[in-house]
Amino acid sequence: MAGNIKAVVITIGTVAGQIIQIDVPYAKPKDISESDDNGKVIYDQTLRCQSSAGNDNFTITFK
């Protein structure tokens, strides 16, 4: 999985006026680890925000 560039969209909130959306058009996976949380498998992954031209690493939108 490491090395494959993917688009990532994270949306926080559901009520209009209180929604934050984070767009990362070129996210490059770096590290992934597995842990246990009281019997639940947890995966943690680090992403690097790449740019394609200028300062387009990520955008934050308030909706």
Protein backbone atom coordinates (compact mmCIF):
# COMPACT_ATOMS: atom_id res chain seq x y z
CA MET A 1 0.00 0.00 0.00
CA ALA A 2 2.85 2.40 0.71
CA GLY A 3 3.66 4.56 -2.28
CA ASN A 4 0.19 4.58 -3.89
CA ILE A 5 -1.10 8.16 -4.10
CA LYS A 6 -4.82 8.45 -3.28
CA ALA A 7 -7.36 11.21 -2.77
CA VAL A 8 -8.62 11.56 0.82
CA VAL A 9 -11.75 13.46 1.93
CA ILE A 10 -12.57 13.84 5.64
CA THR A 11 -15.92 15.33 6.66
CA ILE A 12 -16.59 16.31 10.27
CA GLY A 13 -20.15 17.19 11.28
CA THR A 14 -23.60 16.79 9.71
CA VAL A 15 -25.42 20.06 10.45
CA ALA A 16 -25.24 22.82 7.83
CA GLY A 17 -23.03 25.65 9.06
CA GLN A 18 -21.16 23.28 11.37
CA ILE A 19 -19.47 21.02 8.81
CA ILE A 20 -15.72 20.97 8.15
CA GLN A 21 -14.38 19.15 5.11
CA ILE A 22 -10.69 18.42 4.56
CA ASP A 23 -9.63 17.46 1.03
CA VAL A 24 -6.21 15.99 0.27
CA PRO A 25 -6.06 15.35 -3.50
CA TYR A 26 -2.65 13.65 -3.38
CA ALA A 27 -2.16 11.68 -0.16
CA LYS A 28 0.80 9.32 -0.08
CA PRO A 29 0.56 6.55 2.55
CA LYS A 30 3.71 6.27 4.66
CA ASP A 31 3.40 4.01 7.68
CA ILE A 32 0.70 1.67 8.91
CA SER A 33 0.56 -0.04 12.27
CA GLU A 34 -1.84 -2.40 14.00
CA SER A 35 -2.80 -2.36 17.66
CA ASP A 36 -5.42 -3.78 20.01
CA ASP A 37 -7.99 -1.72 21.93
CA ASN A 38 -9.82 -4.05 24.32
CA GLY A 39 -10.28 -6.71 21.65
CA LYS A 40 -10.80 -4.32 18.72
CA VAL A 41 -8.19 -4.16 15.98
CA ILE A 42 -7.02 -0.59 15.38
CA TYR A 43 -5.09 0.47 12.28
CA ASP A 44 -3.14 3.72 12.34
CA GLN A 45 -1.80 5.17 9.11
CA THR A 46 0.38 8.19 8.44
CA LEU A 47 -0.22 10.10 5.21
CA ARG A 48 1.92 12.68 3.50
CA CYS A 49 0.08 15.51 1.71
CA GLN A 50 1.75 15.85 -1.69
CA SER A 51 1.30 18.81 -4.03
CA SER A 52 0.83 18.68 -7.78
CA ALA A 53 1.36 22.40 -8.48
CA GLY A 54 1.93 25.23 -6.02
CA ASN A 55 0.23 25.13 -2.64
CA ASP A 56 -2.50 22.57 -3.32
CA ASN A 57 -1.50 20.04 -0.63
CA PHE A 58 -4.91 20.24 1.07
CA THR A 59 -7.99 22.43 1.43
CA ILE A 60 -10.25 23.04 4.42
CA THR A 61 -13.86 23.99 3.65
CA PHE A 62 -16.46 25.19 6.14
CA LYS A 63 -20.02 24.31 5.08
